[in-house]
Amino acid sequence: MISENRSLVKFMRDIDIEDSNLQYKPTLRDCYIAYRRLNKDIFKNKLPRIRIQLKRLHGAWGECESKNNQCIIRLGKRYKNKQFFLMVLAHEMVHVYQHYYEANMNHGNTFQSWRPKFARFCIPLSLGYKNNSITWHAQRKYTQISRR
């Protein structure tokens, strides 16, 4: 479980020691706590409340969909570890930011500009993940993190 009171920096530094080899199955509560923590520490509370769904995704670890001027983040039910889960959620949150403050939800320059901010919290921001490691992928109908 993710603690709401623990600082993101401490959480990410300790995560490698505690959980790097443990499979992680987030609960919806964990997802919302992590979303609020990332929103506060990285996005300075600029992201609105959104709907998050946990579901089995085919060909993706996560996705962000813009529907009726609202964003929905869909996350997989199982991850290699907590850090990988947070990397996926962080990726999708950049697309939420793009939806509300920029014209396009893509992996262009505005997406890349978030890398240094995430790096300060030990979260690598990538365009895709292959077998739980980083790889590039082509953009699909929804902005997705590919499992190819």
Protein backbone atom coordinates (compact mmCIF):
# COMPACT_ATOMS: atom_id res chain seq x y z
CA MET A 1 0.00 0.00 0.00
CA ILE A 2 1.11 3.54 -0.74
CA SER A 3 1.21 5.94 2.19
CA GLU A 4 -0.42 9.32 1.65
CA ASN A 5 1.77 11.04 4.25
CA ARG A 6 5.16 9.80 3.12
CA SER A 7 7.07 12.25 0.93
CA LEU A 8 7.43 11.27 -2.71
CA VAL A 9 11.21 11.65 -2.60
CA LYS A 10 11.56 9.34 0.41
CA PHE A 11 9.08 6.89 -1.05
CA MET A 12 10.96 6.67 -4.38
CA ARG A 13 14.37 6.39 -2.71
CA ASP A 14 13.19 3.58 -0.44
CA ILE A 15 11.23 1.76 -3.10
CA ASP A 16 14.31 0.20 -4.70
CA ILE A 17 15.36 -1.33 -1.41
CA GLU A 18 11.92 -2.45 -0.25
CA ASP A 19 10.00 -3.47 -3.33
CA SER A 20 12.08 -3.72 -6.48
CA ASN A 21 11.62 -7.48 -6.80
CA LEU A 22 8.04 -7.73 -5.56
CA GLN A 23 5.15 -7.85 -8.00
CA TYR A 24 2.70 -5.05 -7.32
CA LYS A 25 -1.07 -5.14 -7.66
CA PRO A 26 -2.36 -1.61 -7.03
CA THR A 27 -5.77 -0.97 -5.52
CA LEU A 28 -7.90 1.95 -6.67
CA ARG A 29 -7.09 3.61 -3.37
CA ASP A 30 -3.36 3.24 -4.12
CA CYS A 31 -3.91 4.77 -7.57
CA TYR A 32 -5.72 7.81 -6.23
CA ILE A 33 -3.19 8.34 -3.42
CA ALA A 34 -0.30 8.12 -5.89
CA TYR A 35 -2.13 10.46 -8.29
CA ARG A 36 -2.64 13.05 -5.54
CA ARG A 37 0.98 12.75 -4.36
CA LEU A 38 2.40 13.12 -7.89
CA ASN A 39 -0.03 15.96 -8.60
CA LYS A 40 1.06 17.82 -5.46
CA ASP A 41 4.81 17.27 -5.71
CA ILE A 42 5.37 17.42 -9.48
CA PHE A 43 2.38 19.18 -11.06
CA LYS A 44 1.86 21.68 -8.20
CA ASN A 45 -1.82 20.59 -7.89
CA LYS A 46 -2.65 21.79 -11.41
CA LEU A 47 -4.31 18.54 -12.45
CA PRO A 48 -8.01 18.15 -11.74
CA ARG A 49 -9.64 15.15 -10.14
CA ILE A 50 -10.05 12.49 -12.78
CA ARG A 51 -11.41 9.00 -13.05
CA ILE A 52 -8.95 6.12 -12.77
CA GLN A 53 -9.82 2.58 -13.76
CA LEU A 54 -7.95 -0.64 -13.09
CA LYS A 55 -8.48 -3.19 -15.81
CA ARG A 56 -6.71 -5.77 -17.87
CA LEU A 57 -5.22 -3.89 -20.79
CA HIS A 58 -4.20 -5.60 -23.99
CA GLY A 59 -0.98 -4.25 -25.45
CA ALA A 60 -0.55 -1.50 -22.86
CA TRP A 61 0.46 -0.89 -19.25
CA GLY A 62 -1.64 2.25 -19.08
CA GLU A 63 -3.58 4.68 -21.22
CA CYS A 64 -5.08 8.13 -21.01
CA GLU A 65 -8.26 8.84 -22.91
CA SER A 66 -9.88 12.21 -23.48
CA LYS A 67 -13.65 11.83 -23.66
CA ASN A 68 -16.27 14.60 -23.44
CA ASN A 69 -13.55 17.04 -22.35
CA GLN A 70 -12.65 14.76 -19.41
CA CYS A 71 -9.63 12.51 -18.95
CA ILE A 72 -9.75 8.90 -17.84
CA ILE A 73 -6.59 7.03 -16.89
CA ARG A 74 -6.75 3.27 -17.28
CA LEU A 75 -4.05 1.26 -15.53
CA GLY A 76 -3.22 -2.41 -15.61
CA LYS A 77 -3.99 -4.61 -12.64
CA ARG A 78 -0.45 -5.93 -12.16
CA TYR A 79 3.06 -4.46 -12.40
CA LYS A 80 6.59 -5.72 -11.92
CA ASN A 81 6.93 -3.51 -8.82
CA LYS A 82 5.70 -0.24 -7.27
CA GLN A 83 8.28 1.86 -9.07
CA PHE A 84 7.15 0.56 -12.45
CA PHE A 85 3.52 1.30 -11.52
CA LEU A 86 4.46 4.89 -10.60
CA MET A 87 6.41 5.30 -13.84
CA VAL A 88 3.32 4.29 -15.82
CA LEU A 89 1.01 6.54 -13.78
CA ALA A 90 3.42 9.48 -14.14
CA HIS A 91 3.52 8.97 -17.91
CA GLU A 92 -0.27 9.07 -18.12
CA MET A 93 -0.46 12.12 -15.86
CA VAL A 94 1.68 14.08 -18.32
CA HIS A 95 -1.03 13.36 -20.90
CA VAL A 96 -3.67 14.61 -18.45
CA TYR A 97 -1.68 17.83 -18.12
CA GLN A 98 -1.42 18.08 -21.91
CA HIS A 99 -5.17 17.60 -22.26
CA TYR A 100 -6.03 20.45 -19.91
CA TYR A 101 -3.20 22.92 -20.65
CA GLU A 102 -1.91 22.19 -24.16
CA ALA A 103 -3.34 21.39 -27.57
CA ASN A 104 -2.20 17.80 -28.07
CA MET A 105 -1.73 14.65 -26.01
CA ASN A 106 1.45 13.32 -27.59
CA HIS A 107 5.10 12.47 -26.95
CA GLY A 108 6.55 15.64 -28.47
CA ASN A 109 8.61 18.42 -26.93
CA THR A 110 6.10 19.28 -24.20
CA PHE A 111 6.04 15.66 -23.04
CA GLN A 112 9.84 15.54 -23.04
CA SER A 113 10.05 18.76 -21.05
CA TRP A 114 8.71 16.89 -18.00
CA ARG A 115 11.71 14.52 -17.80
CA PRO A 116 13.89 16.74 -15.57
CA LYS A 117 11.00 17.38 -13.17
CA PHE A 118 10.35 13.66 -12.79
CA ALA A 119 14.06 12.86 -12.53
CA ARG A 120 14.24 14.98 -9.35
CA PHE A 121 11.89 12.40 -7.81
CA CYS A 122 13.78 9.38 -9.19
CA ILE A 123 11.01 8.62 -11.70
CA PRO A 124 12.22 7.97 -15.25
CA LEU A 125 9.74 9.35 -17.76
CA SER A 126 9.73 7.28 -20.91
CA LEU A 127 7.69 6.76 -24.04
CA GLY A 128 7.20 3.05 -23.60
CA TYR A 129 8.12 -0.03 -21.67
CA LYS A 130 9.02 -3.43 -23.07
CA ASN A 131 9.00 -6.34 -20.65
CA ASN A 132 9.04 -3.81 -17.80
CA SER A 133 12.00 -1.96 -19.26
CA ILE A 134 12.11 1.21 -21.31
CA THR A 135 11.66 1.22 -25.09
CA TRP A 136 10.21 3.55 -27.74
CA HIS A 137 6.89 2.90 -29.43
CA ALA A 138 4.59 4.49 -31.97
CA GLN A 139 1.62 6.48 -30.76
CA ARG A 140 -1.72 4.67 -31.06
CA LYS A 141 -5.39 5.75 -31.00
CA TYR A 142 -5.04 6.43 -27.28
CA THR A 143 -1.80 7.55 -25.74
CA GLN A 144 -0.51 4.23 -24.41
CA ILE A 145 2.48 2.62 -22.84
CA SER A 146 3.09 -0.38 -25.02
CA ARG A 147 3.77 -3.94 -23.81
CA ARG A 148 5.22 -5.09 -27.13
